[in-house]
């Protein structure tokens, strides 16, 4: 999916899969230094297992990746505040479009 994100040089529109969105988010967290992303020691972060772009070293699948995005946004970014999580408008966040998908899927699951 195409998404406008913030990069080291400003805003840019890029094509992001969930995998790439996590990588971009980790890059932002690590001041855009790839070596910092690779050597990240923040194992309690919901995205840590996916930071290298795969998660395959722990046999994690795409559903687990999407759940990790949802947990990261809700718990780490919004401090566990469900209302803030649901009303997030940070459209330049690389995870934004996938966080929204998780909310919509969960609401559909609950109503169906």
PDB file of N, CA and C in Angstrom:
ATOM      1  N   UNK A   1       0.825  -1.187   0.000  1.00  0.00           N
ATOM      2  CA  UNK A   1       0.000   0.000   0.000  1.00  0.00           C
ATOM      3  C   UNK A   1       0.868   1.249   0.000  1.00  0.00           C
ATOM      4  N   UNK A   2       0.425   2.234  -0.712  1.00  0.00           N
ATOM      5  CA  UNK A   2       1.134   3.512  -0.727  1.00  0.00           C
ATOM      6  C   UNK A   2       0.787   4.288   0.533  1.00  0.00           C
ATOM      7  N   UNK A   3       1.797   4.889   1.137  1.00  0.00           N
ATOM      8  CA  UNK A   3       1.590   5.652   2.363  1.00  0.00           C
ATOM      9  C   UNK A   3       2.602   6.780   2.428  1.00  0.00           C
ATOM     10  N   UNK A   4       2.137   7.927   2.892  1.00  0.00           N
ATOM     11  CA  UNK A   4       3.036   9.051   3.127  1.00  0.00           C
ATOM     12  C   UNK A   4       3.601   8.875   4.537  1.00  0.00           C
ATOM     13  N   UNK A   5       4.924   8.865   4.647  1.00  0.00           N
ATOM     14  CA  UNK A   5       5.579   8.695   5.940  1.00  0.00           C
ATOM     15  C   UNK A   5       6.626   9.782   6.149  1.00  0.00           C
ATOM     16  N   UNK A   6       7.101   9.880   7.366  1.00  0.00           N
ATOM     17  CA  UNK A   6       8.190  10.794   7.684  1.00  0.00           C
ATOM     18  C   UNK A   6       9.491  10.007   7.594  1.00  0.00           C
ATOM     19  N   UNK A   7      10.450  10.570   6.880  1.00  0.00           N
ATOM     20  CA  UNK A   7      11.770   9.956   6.771  1.00  0.00           C
ATOM     21  C   UNK A   7      12.798  10.928   7.347  1.00  0.00           C
ATOM     22  N   UNK A   8      14.028  10.520   7.313  1.00  0.00           N
ATOM     23  CA  UNK A   8      15.105  11.379   7.794  1.00  0.00           C
ATOM     24  C   UNK A   8      15.154  12.696   7.033  1.00  0.00           C
ATOM     25  N   UNK A   9      14.736  12.674   5.779  1.00  0.00           N
ATOM     26  CA  UNK A   9      14.797  13.869   4.921  1.00  0.00           C
ATOM     27  C   UNK A   9      13.442  14.553   4.745  1.00  0.00           C
ATOM     28  N   UNK A  10      12.437  14.138   5.504  1.00  0.00           N
ATOM     29  CA  UNK A  10      11.109  14.744   5.388  1.00  0.00           C
ATOM     30  C   UNK A  10      10.064  13.733   4.968  1.00  0.00           C
ATOM     31  N   UNK A  11       8.929  14.225   4.513  1.00  0.00           N
ATOM     32  CA  UNK A  11       7.848  13.332   4.108  1.00  0.00           C
ATOM     33  C   UNK A  11       8.128  12.719   2.739  1.00  0.00           C
ATOM     34  N   UNK A  12       7.649  11.480   2.585  1.00  0.00           N
ATOM     35  CA  UNK A  12       7.866  10.749   1.349  1.00  0.00           C
ATOM     36  C   UNK A  12       6.726   9.741   1.205  1.00  0.00           C
ATOM     37  N   UNK A  13       6.266   9.513  -0.011  1.00  0.00           N
ATOM     38  CA  UNK A  13       5.262   8.483  -0.257  1.00  0.00           C
ATOM     39  C   UNK A  13       5.981   7.223  -0.702  1.00  0.00           C
ATOM     40  N   UNK A  14       5.701   6.137   0.004  1.00  0.00           N
ATOM     41  CA  UNK A  14       6.367   4.864  -0.274  1.00  0.00           C
ATOM     42  C   UNK A  14       5.341   3.736  -0.297  1.00  0.00           C
ATOM     43  N   UNK A  15       5.736   2.622  -0.885  1.00  0.00           N
ATOM     44  CA  UNK A  15       4.914   1.429  -0.894  1.00  0.00           C
ATOM     45  C   UNK A  15       5.304   0.595   0.325  1.00  0.00           C
ATOM     46  N   UNK A  16       4.340   0.360   1.229  1.00  0.00           N
ATOM     47  CA  UNK A  16       4.657  -0.347   2.465  1.00  0.00           C
ATOM     48  C   UNK A  16       3.807  -1.597   2.650  1.00  0.00           C
ATOM     49  N   UNK A  17       4.476  -2.705   2.818  1.00  0.00           N
ATOM     50  CA  UNK A  17       3.827  -3.923   3.293  1.00  0.00           C
ATOM     51  C   UNK A  17       3.905  -3.863   4.826  1.00  0.00           C
ATOM     52  N   UNK A  18       3.194  -4.714   5.554  1.00  0.00           N
ATOM     53  CA  UNK A  18       3.343  -4.718   7.013  1.00  0.00           C
ATOM     54  C   UNK A  18       4.805  -4.918   7.439  1.00  0.00           C
ATOM     55  N   UNK A  19       5.506  -5.765   6.726  1.00  0.00           N
ATOM     56  CA  UNK A  19       6.913  -6.040   7.020  1.00  0.00           C
ATOM     57  C   UNK A  19       7.757  -4.771   6.873  1.00  0.00           C
ATOM     58  N   UNK A  20       7.563  -4.062   5.775  1.00  0.00           N
ATOM     59  CA  UNK A  20       8.316  -2.817   5.543  1.00  0.00           C
ATOM     60  C   UNK A  20       7.895  -1.716   6.505  1.00  0.00           C
ATOM     61  N   UNK A  21       6.616  -1.700   6.861  1.00  0.00           N
ATOM     62  CA  UNK A  21       6.126  -0.692   7.814  1.00  0.00           C
ATOM     63  C   UNK A  21       6.827  -0.850   9.162  1.00  0.00           C
ATOM     64  N   UNK A  22       6.990  -2.069   9.604  1.00  0.00           N
ATOM     65  CA  UNK A  22       7.694  -2.318  10.870  1.00  0.00           C
ATOM     66  C   UNK A  22       9.150  -1.881  10.741  1.00  0.00           C
ATOM     67  N   UNK A  23       9.785  -2.232   9.640  1.00  0.00           N
ATOM     68  CA  UNK A  23      11.184  -1.813   9.442  1.00  0.00           C
ATOM     69  C   UNK A  23      11.314  -0.291   9.491  1.00  0.00           C
ATOM     70  N   UNK A  24      10.398   0.410   8.819  1.00  0.00           N
ATOM     71  CA  UNK A  24      10.435   1.882   8.823  1.00  0.00           C
ATOM     72  C   UNK A  24      10.213   2.428  10.229  1.00  0.00           C
ATOM     73  N   UNK A  25       9.296   1.843  10.960  1.00  0.00           N
ATOM     74  CA  UNK A  25       9.035   2.292  12.328  1.00  0.00           C
ATOM     75  C   UNK A  25      10.274   2.086  13.198  1.00  0.00           C
ATOM     76  N   UNK A  26      10.907   0.945  13.059  1.00  0.00           N
ATOM     77  CA  UNK A  26      12.127   0.671  13.828  1.00  0.00           C
ATOM     78  C   UNK A  26      13.246   1.633  13.431  1.00  0.00           C
ATOM     79  N   UNK A  27      13.319   1.962  12.158  1.00  0.00           N
ATOM     80  CA  UNK A  27      14.302   2.947  11.686  1.00  0.00           C
ATOM     81  C   UNK A  27      14.092   4.288  12.379  1.00  0.00           C
ATOM     82  N   UNK A  28      12.840   4.740  12.419  1.00  0.00           N
ATOM     83  CA  UNK A  28      12.523   6.012  13.070  1.00  0.00           C
ATOM     84  C   UNK A  28      12.941   5.963  14.539  1.00  0.00           C
ATOM     85  N   UNK A  29      12.630   4.868  15.194  1.00  0.00           N
ATOM     86  CA  UNK A  29      12.947   4.705  16.611  1.00  0.00           C
ATOM     87  C   UNK A  29      14.459   4.759  16.851  1.00  0.00           C
ATOM     88  N   UNK A  30      15.217   4.275  15.884  1.00  0.00           N
ATOM     89  CA  UNK A  30      16.675   4.185  16.009  1.00  0.00           C
ATOM     90  C   UNK A  30      17.395   5.325  15.299  1.00  0.00           C
ATOM     91  N   UNK A  31      16.711   6.452  15.139  1.00  0.00           N
ATOM     92  CA  UNK A  31      17.290   7.637  14.507  1.00  0.00           C
ATOM     93  C   UNK A  31      17.825   7.337  13.106  1.00  0.00           C
ATOM     94  N   UNK A  32      17.121   6.466  12.392  1.00  0.00           N
ATOM     95  CA  UNK A  32      17.408   6.127  11.001  1.00  0.00           C
ATOM     96  C   UNK A  32      18.776   5.472  10.805  1.00  0.00           C
ATOM     97  N   UNK A  33      19.239   4.763  11.809  1.00  0.00           N
ATOM     98  CA  UNK A  33      20.517   4.045  11.707  1.00  0.00           C
ATOM     99  C   UNK A  33      20.241   2.541  11.645  1.00  0.00           C
ATOM    100  N   UNK A  34      20.483   1.942  10.466  1.00  0.00           N
ATOM    101  CA  UNK A  34      20.207   0.517  10.276  1.00  0.00           C
ATOM    102  C   UNK A  34      20.924  -0.350  11.299  1.00  0.00           C
ATOM    103  N   UNK A  35      22.160   0.000  11.595  1.00  0.00           N
ATOM    104  CA  UNK A  35      22.910  -0.828  12.543  1.00  0.00           C
ATOM    105  C   UNK A  35      22.269  -0.817  13.937  1.00  0.00           C
ATOM    106  N   UNK A  36      21.615   0.292  14.276  1.00  0.00           N
ATOM    107  CA  UNK A  36      20.899   0.367  15.555  1.00  0.00           C
ATOM    108  C   UNK A  36      19.656  -0.531  15.537  1.00  0.00           C
ATOM    109  N   UNK A  37      18.999  -0.583  14.406  1.00  0.00           N
ATOM    110  CA  UNK A  37      17.831  -1.459  14.276  1.00  0.00           C
ATOM    111  C   UNK A  37      18.271  -2.910  14.454  1.00  0.00           C
ATOM    112  N   UNK A  38      19.307  -3.289  13.754  1.00  0.00           N
ATOM    113  CA  UNK A  38      19.782  -4.673  13.816  1.00  0.00           C
ATOM    114  C   UNK A  38      20.278  -5.080  15.203  1.00  0.00           C
ATOM    115  N   UNK A  39      20.881  -4.147  15.919  1.00  0.00           N
ATOM    116  CA  UNK A  39      21.433  -4.490  17.244  1.00  0.00           C
ATOM    117  C   UNK A  39      20.509  -4.097  18.391  1.00  0.00           C
ATOM    118  N   UNK A  40      19.268  -3.743  18.086  1.00  0.00           N
ATOM    119  CA  UNK A  40      18.311  -3.295  19.101  1.00  0.00           C
ATOM    120  C   UNK A  40      18.191  -4.313  20.232  1.00  0.00           C
ATOM    121  N   UNK A  41      18.273  -3.814  21.447  1.00  0.00           N
ATOM    122  CA  UNK A  41      18.182  -4.668  22.635  1.00  0.00           C
ATOM    123  C   UNK A  41      16.848  -4.505  23.371  1.00  0.00           C
ATOM    124  N   UNK A  42      15.906  -3.786  22.781  1.00  0.00           N
ATOM    125  CA  UNK A  42      14.618  -3.550  23.430  1.00  0.00           C
ATOM    126  C   UNK A  42      13.700  -4.740  23.157  1.00  0.00           C
ATOM    127  N   UNK A  43      14.014  -5.864  23.781  1.00  0.00           N
ATOM    128  CA  UNK A  43      13.292  -7.112  23.518  1.00  0.00           C
ATOM    129  C   UNK A  43      11.842  -7.066  23.993  1.00  0.00           C
ATOM    130  N   UNK A  44      11.505  -6.142  24.896  1.00  0.00           N
ATOM    131  CA  UNK A  44      10.119  -6.035  25.355  1.00  0.00           C
ATOM    132  C   UNK A  44       9.227  -5.322  24.335  1.00  0.00           C
ATOM    133  N   UNK A  45       9.819  -4.727  23.316  1.00  0.00           N
ATOM    134  CA  UNK A  45       9.041  -4.064  22.261  1.00  0.00           C
ATOM    135  C   UNK A  45       8.282  -5.129  21.469  1.00  0.00           C
ATOM    136  N   UNK A  46       7.028  -4.840  21.208  1.00  0.00           N
ATOM    137  CA  UNK A  46       6.157  -5.755  20.473  1.00  0.00           C
ATOM    138  C   UNK A  46       6.671  -6.048  19.067  1.00  0.00           C
ATOM    139  N   UNK A  47       7.460  -5.144  18.503  1.00  0.00           N
ATOM    140  CA  UNK A  47       7.948  -5.294  17.133  1.00  0.00           C
ATOM    141  C   UNK A  47       9.359  -5.887  17.056  1.00  0.00           C
ATOM    142  N   UNK A  48       9.989  -6.124  18.181  1.00  0.00           N
ATOM    143  CA  UNK A  48      11.385  -6.546  18.213  1.00  0.00           C
ATOM    144  C   UNK A  48      11.658  -7.772  17.336  1.00  0.00           C
ATOM    145  N   UNK A  49      10.823  -8.772  17.423  1.00  0.00           N
ATOM    146  CA  UNK A  49      11.052 -10.005  16.652  1.00  0.00           C
ATOM    147  C   UNK A  49      10.944  -9.779  15.149  1.00  0.00           C
ATOM    148  N   UNK A  50      10.302  -8.693  14.748  1.00  0.00           N
ATOM    149  CA  UNK A  50      10.068  -8.418  13.324  1.00  0.00           C
ATOM    150  C   UNK A  50      10.976  -7.336  12.766  1.00  0.00           C
ATOM    151  N   UNK A  51      11.860  -6.775  13.575  1.00  0.00           N
ATOM    152  CA  UNK A  51      12.644  -5.600  13.176  1.00  0.00           C
ATOM    153  C   UNK A  51      13.560  -5.863  11.997  1.00  0.00           C
ATOM    154  N   UNK A  52      14.009  -7.093  11.813  1.00  0.00           N
ATOM    155  CA  UNK A  52      14.911  -7.404  10.698  1.00  0.00           C
ATOM    156  C   UNK A  52      14.156  -7.581   9.391  1.00  0.00           C
ATOM    157  N   UNK A  53      12.839  -7.529   9.461  1.00  0.00           N
ATOM    158  CA  UNK A  53      12.044  -7.657   8.253  1.00  0.00           C
ATOM    159  C   UNK A  53      11.433  -9.026   8.074  1.00  0.00           C
ATOM    160  N   UNK A  54      11.727  -9.960   9.001  1.00  0.00           N
ATOM    161  CA  UNK A  54      11.162 -11.286   8.782  1.00  0.00           C
ATOM    162  C   UNK A  54      10.382 -11.809   9.975  1.00  0.00           C
ATOM    163  N   UNK A  55      11.060 -12.096  11.062  1.00  0.00           N
ATOM    164  CA  UNK A  55      10.412 -12.789  12.163  1.00  0.00           C
ATOM    165  C   UNK A  55      10.523 -14.294  11.973  1.00  0.00           C
ATOM    166  N   UNK A  56      11.110 -14.693  10.840  1.00  0.00           N
ATOM    167  CA  UNK A  56      11.179 -16.118  10.520  1.00  0.00           C
ATOM    168  C   UNK A  56      12.103 -16.899  11.463  1.00  0.00           C
ATOM    169  N   UNK A  57      13.041 -16.176  12.096  1.00  0.00           N
ATOM    170  CA  UNK A  57      13.931 -16.877  13.018  1.00  0.00           C
ATOM    171  C   UNK A  57      13.174 -17.435  14.217  1.00  0.00           C
ATOM    172  N   UNK A  58      11.969 -16.924  14.449  1.00  0.00           N
ATOM    173  CA  UNK A  58      11.141 -17.421  15.556  1.00  0.00           C
ATOM    174  C   UNK A  58       9.859 -18.047  15.023  1.00  0.00           C
ATOM    175  N   UNK A  59       9.832 -18.366  13.727  1.00  0.00           N
ATOM    176  CA  UNK A  59       8.670 -18.966  13.072  1.00  0.00           C
ATOM    177  C   UNK A  59       7.402 -18.145  13.270  1.00  0.00           C
ATOM    178  N   UNK A  60       7.514 -16.833  13.122  1.00  0.00           N
ATOM    179  CA  UNK A  60       6.368 -15.949  13.268  1.00  0.00           C
ATOM    180  C   UNK A  60       5.734 -15.719  11.901  1.00  0.00           C
ATOM    181  N   UNK A  61       4.406 -15.683  11.863  1.00  0.00           N
ATOM    182  CA  UNK A  61       3.717 -15.528  10.585  1.00  0.00           C
ATOM    183  C   UNK A  61       3.118 -14.135  10.429  1.00  0.00           C
ATOM    184  N   UNK A  62       2.463 -13.904   9.300  1.00  0.00           N
ATOM    185  CA  UNK A  62       1.928 -12.572   9.007  1.00  0.00           C
ATOM    186  C   UNK A  62       0.822 -12.172   9.979  1.00  0.00           C
ATOM    187  N   UNK A  63       0.026 -13.113  10.445  1.00  0.00           N
ATOM    188  CA  UNK A  63      -1.017 -12.787  11.424  1.00  0.00           C
ATOM    189  C   UNK A  63      -0.388 -12.290  12.729  1.00  0.00           C
ATOM    190  N   UNK A  64       0.692 -12.934  13.155  1.00  0.00           N
ATOM    191  CA  UNK A  64       1.395 -12.493  14.364  1.00  0.00           C
ATOM    192  C   UNK A  64       2.020 -11.121  14.168  1.00  0.00           C
ATOM    193  N   UNK A  65       2.482 -10.848  12.951  1.00  0.00           N
ATOM    194  CA  UNK A  65       3.041  -9.527  12.629  1.00  0.00           C
ATOM    195  C   UNK A  65       1.963  -8.455  12.776  1.00  0.00           C
ATOM    196  N   UNK A  66       0.771  -8.713  12.245  1.00  0.00           N
ATOM    197  CA  UNK A  66      -0.320  -7.744  12.340  1.00  0.00           C
ATOM    198  C   UNK A  66      -0.757  -7.544  13.792  1.00  0.00           C
ATOM    199  N   UNK A  67      -0.804  -8.595  14.569  1.00  0.00           N
ATOM    200  CA  UNK A  67      -1.157  -8.477  15.992  1.00  0.00           C
ATOM    201  C   UNK A  67      -0.101  -7.675  16.739  1.00  0.00           C
ATOM    202  N   UNK A  68       1.163  -7.849  16.371  1.00  0.00           N
ATOM    203  CA  UNK A  68       2.248  -7.095  17.005  1.00  0.00           C
ATOM    204  C   UNK A  68       2.108  -5.605  16.703  1.00  0.00           C
ATOM    205  N   UNK A  69       1.735  -5.271  15.470  1.00  0.00           N
ATOM    206  CA  UNK A  69       1.508  -3.866  15.105  1.00  0.00           C
ATOM    207  C   UNK A  69       0.397  -3.293  15.971  1.00  0.00           C
ATOM    208  N   UNK A  70      -0.693  -4.020  16.100  1.00  0.00           N
ATOM    209  CA  UNK A  70      -1.826  -3.565  16.899  1.00  0.00           C
ATOM    210  C   UNK A  70      -1.415  -3.355  18.358  1.00  0.00           C
ATOM    211  N   UNK A  71      -0.710  -4.312  18.938  1.00  0.00           N
ATOM    212  CA  UNK A  71      -0.267  -4.185  20.337  1.00  0.00           C
ATOM    213  C   UNK A  71       0.689  -3.014  20.511  1.00  0.00           C
ATOM    214  N   UNK A  72       1.622  -2.850  19.570  1.00  0.00           N
ATOM    215  CA  UNK A  72       2.572  -1.755  19.638  1.00  0.00           C
ATOM    216  C   UNK A  72       1.844  -0.413  19.645  1.00  0.00           C
ATOM    217  N   UNK A  73       0.933  -0.246  18.698  1.00  0.00           N
ATOM    218  CA  UNK A  73       0.200   1.026  18.589  1.00  0.00           C
ATOM    219  C   UNK A  73      -0.637   1.290  19.836  1.00  0.00           C
ATOM    220  N   UNK A  74      -1.354   0.292  20.300  1.00  0.00           N
ATOM    221  CA  UNK A  74      -2.243   0.474  21.450  1.00  0.00           C
ATOM    222  C   UNK A  74      -1.449   0.655  22.745  1.00  0.00           C
ATOM    223  N   UNK A  75      -0.511  -0.241  23.000  1.00  0.00           N
ATOM    224  CA  UNK A  75       0.157  -0.269  24.299  1.00  0.00           C
ATOM    225  C   UNK A  75       1.347   0.667  24.405  1.00  0.00           C
ATOM    226  N   UNK A  76       2.191   0.684  23.401  1.00  0.00           N
ATOM    227  CA  UNK A  76       3.409   1.492  23.478  1.00  0.00           C
ATOM    228  C   UNK A  76       3.159   2.932  23.026  1.00  0.00           C
ATOM    229  N   UNK A  77       2.468   3.082  21.920  1.00  0.00           N
ATOM    230  CA  UNK A  77       2.264   4.421  21.363  1.00  0.00           C
ATOM    231  C   UNK A  77       1.155   5.178  22.095  1.00  0.00           C
ATOM    232  N   UNK A  78       0.079   4.490  22.433  1.00  0.00           N
ATOM    233  CA  UNK A  78      -1.083   5.144  23.061  1.00  0.00           C
ATOM    234  C   UNK A  78      -1.194   4.832  24.550  1.00  0.00           C
ATOM    235  N   UNK A  79      -0.175   4.208  25.115  1.00  0.00           N
ATOM    236  CA  UNK A  79      -0.151   3.946  26.549  1.00  0.00           C
ATOM    237  C   UNK A  79      -1.301   3.090  27.052  1.00  0.00           C
ATOM    238  N   UNK A  80      -1.846   2.232  26.192  1.00  0.00           N
ATOM    239  CA  UNK A  80      -2.942   1.354  26.581  1.00  0.00           C
ATOM    240  C   UNK A  80      -4.309   2.024  26.558  1.00  0.00           C
ATOM    241  N   UNK A  81      -4.369   3.263  26.136  1.00  0.00           N
ATOM    242  CA  UNK A  81      -5.626   4.014  26.092  1.00  0.00           C
ATOM    243  C   UNK A  81      -6.387   3.643  24.817  1.00  0.00           C
ATOM    244  N   UNK A  82      -7.421   2.831  24.982  1.00  0.00           N
ATOM    245  CA  UNK A  82      -8.191   2.325  23.840  1.00  0.00           C
ATOM    246  C   UNK A  82      -8.828   3.451  23.028  1.00  0.00           C
ATOM    247  N   UNK A  83      -9.324   4.469  23.690  1.00  0.00           N
ATOM    248  CA  UNK A  83      -9.962   5.590  22.996  1.00  0.00           C
ATOM    249  C   UNK A  83      -8.936   6.333  22.126  1.00  0.00           C
ATOM    250  N   UNK A  84      -7.775   6.602  22.695  1.00  0.00           N
ATOM    251  CA  UNK A  84      -6.716   7.272  21.931  1.00  0.00           C
ATOM    252  C   UNK A  84      -6.267   6.396  20.769  1.00  0.00           C
ATOM    253  N   UNK A  85      -6.152   5.113  21.005  1.00  0.00           N
ATOM    254  CA  UNK A  85      -5.752   4.162  19.969  1.00  0.00           C
ATOM    255  C   UNK A  85      -6.728   4.194  18.795  1.00  0.00           C
ATOM    256  N   UNK A  86      -8.004   4.161  19.068  1.00  0.00           N
ATOM    257  CA  UNK A  86      -9.025   4.135  18.025  1.00  0.00           C
ATOM    258  C   UNK A  86      -9.141   5.468  17.284  1.00  0.00           C
ATOM    259  N   UNK A  87      -8.764   6.559  17.947  1.00  0.00           N
ATOM    260  CA  UNK A  87      -8.898   7.870  17.298  1.00  0.00           C
ATOM    261  C   UNK A  87      -7.563   8.411  16.773  1.00  0.00           C
ATOM    262  N   UNK A  88      -6.533   7.601  16.773  1.00  0.00           N
ATOM    263  CA  UNK A  88      -5.217   8.025  16.295  1.00  0.00           C
ATOM    264  C   UNK A  88      -5.326   8.610  14.880  1.00  0.00           C
ATOM    265  N   UNK A  89      -4.662   9.750  14.695  1.00  0.00           N
ATOM    266  CA  UNK A  89      -4.681  10.379  13.367  1.00  0.00           C
ATOM    267  C   UNK A  89      -3.267  10.623  12.831  1.00  0.00           C
ATOM    268  N   UNK A  90      -2.317   9.855  13.295  1.00  0.00           N
ATOM    269  CA  UNK A  90      -0.920   9.988  12.859  1.00  0.00           C
ATOM    270  C   UNK A  90      -0.718   9.296  11.506  1.00  0.00           C
ATOM    271  N   UNK A  91      -1.280   9.892  10.475  1.00  0.00           N
ATOM    272  CA  UNK A  91      -1.281   9.274   9.158  1.00  0.00           C
ATOM    273  C   UNK A  91       0.104   9.114   8.540  1.00  0.00           C
ATOM    274  N   UNK A  92       1.105   9.816   9.045  1.00  0.00           N
ATOM    275  CA  UNK A  92       2.462   9.657   8.505  1.00  0.00           C
ATOM    276  C   UNK A  92       3.254   8.590   9.260  1.00  0.00           C
ATOM    277  N   UNK A  93       2.627   7.940  10.215  1.00  0.00           N
ATOM    278  CA  UNK A  93       3.272   6.818  10.909  1.00  0.00           C
ATOM    279  C   UNK A  93       3.265   5.620   9.961  1.00  0.00           C
ATOM    280  N   UNK A  94       4.385   4.923   9.799  1.00  0.00           N
ATOM    281  CA  UNK A  94       4.406   3.783   8.881  1.00  0.00           C
ATOM    282  C   UNK A  94       3.419   2.680   9.260  1.00  0.00           C
ATOM    283  N   UNK A  95       3.050   2.590  10.533  1.00  0.00           N
ATOM    284  CA  UNK A  95       2.148   1.532  10.979  1.00  0.00           C
ATOM    285  C   UNK A  95       0.677   1.913  10.856  1.00  0.00           C
ATOM    286  N   UNK A  96       0.397   3.165  10.566  1.00  0.00           N
ATOM    287  CA  UNK A  96      -0.968   3.689  10.623  1.00  0.00           C
ATOM    288  C   UNK A  96      -1.968   2.875   9.808  1.00  0.00           C
ATOM    289  N   UNK A  97      -1.686   2.607   8.561  1.00  0.00           N
ATOM    290  CA  UNK A  97      -2.666   1.912   7.716  1.00  0.00           C
ATOM    291  C   UNK A  97      -2.933   0.493   8.205  1.00  0.00           C
ATOM    292  N   UNK A  98      -1.960  -0.134   8.811  1.00  0.00           N
ATOM    293  CA  UNK A  98      -2.150  -1.504   9.300  1.00  0.00           C
ATOM    294  C   UNK A  98      -2.820  -1.519  10.669  1.00  0.00           C
ATOM    295  N   UNK A  99      -2.605  -0.498  11.447  1.00  0.00           N
ATOM    296  CA  UNK A  99      -3.308  -0.365  12.726  1.00  0.00           C
ATOM    297  C   UNK A  99      -4.796  -0.216  12.443  1.00  0.00           C
ATOM    298  N   UNK A 100      -5.142   0.616  11.467  1.00  0.00           N
ATOM    299  CA  UNK A 100      -6.534   0.822  11.090  1.00  0.00           C
ATOM    300  C   UNK A 100      -7.171  -0.479  10.611  1.00  0.00           C
ATOM    301  N   UNK A 101      -6.452  -1.235   9.843  1.00  0.00           N
ATOM    302  CA  UNK A 101      -6.966  -2.515   9.340  1.00  0.00           C
ATOM    303  C   UNK A 101      -7.288  -3.440  10.507  1.00  0.00           C
ATOM    304  N   UNK A 102      -6.422  -3.451  11.499  1.00  0.00           N
ATOM    305  CA  UNK A 102      -6.669  -4.289  12.671  1.00  0.00           C
ATOM    306  C   UNK A 102      -7.939  -3.868  13.393  1.00  0.00           C
ATOM    307  N   UNK A 103      -8.156  -2.589  13.558  1.00  0.00           N
ATOM    308  CA  UNK A 103      -9.362  -2.106  14.234  1.00  0.00           C
ATOM    309  C   UNK A 103     -10.591  -2.519  13.438  1.00  0.00           C
ATOM    310  N   UNK A 104     -10.572  -2.288  12.137  1.00  0.00           N
ATOM    311  CA  UNK A 104     -11.728  -2.618  11.305  1.00  0.00           C
ATOM    312  C   UNK A 104     -12.002  -4.119  11.328  1.00  0.00           C
ATOM    313  N   UNK A 105     -10.968  -4.948  11.251  1.00  0.00           N
ATOM    314  CA  UNK A 105     -11.147  -6.391  11.293  1.00  0.00           C
ATOM    315  C   UNK A 105     -11.713  -6.837  12.628  1.00  0.00           C
ATOM    316  N   UNK A 106     -11.207  -6.269  13.720  1.00  0.00           N
ATOM    317  CA  UNK A 106     -11.693  -6.648  15.039  1.00  0.00           C
ATOM    318  C   UNK A 106     -13.142  -6.245  15.227  1.00  0.00           C
ATOM    319  N   UNK A 107     -13.541  -5.067  14.752  1.00  0.00           N
ATOM    320  CA  UNK A 107     -14.930  -4.638  14.885  1.00  0.00           C
ATOM    321  C   UNK A 107     -15.836  -5.517  14.045  1.00  0.00           C
ATOM    322  N   UNK A 108     -15.390  -5.926  12.864  1.00  0.00           N
ATOM    323  CA  UNK A 108     -16.175  -6.835  12.025  1.00  0.00           C
ATOM    324  C   UNK A 108     -16.326  -8.182  12.715  1.00  0.00           C
ATOM    325  N   UNK A 109     -15.242  -8.700  13.301  1.00  0.00           N
ATOM    326  CA  UNK A 109     -15.282  -9.978  14.003  1.00  0.00           C
ATOM    327  C   UNK A 109     -16.273  -9.949  15.165  1.00  0.00           C
ATOM    328  N   UNK A 110     -16.289  -8.838  15.923  1.00  0.00           N
ATOM    329  CA  UNK A 110     -17.152  -8.720  17.091  1.00  0.00           C
ATOM    330  C   UNK A 110     -18.621  -8.599  16.704  1.00  0.00           C
ATOM    331  N   UNK A 111     -18.898  -7.947  15.564  1.00  0.00           N
ATOM    332  CA  UNK A 111     -20.288  -7.719  15.183  1.00  0.00           C
ATOM    333  C   UNK A 111     -20.869  -8.892  14.409  1.00  0.00           C
ATOM    334  N   UNK A 112     -20.013  -9.725  13.841  1.00  0.00           N
ATOM    335  CA  UNK A 112     -20.479 -10.812  12.994  1.00  0.00           C
ATOM    336  C   UNK A 112     -20.648 -12.029  13.753  1.00  0.00           C
TER     337      UNK A 112
END
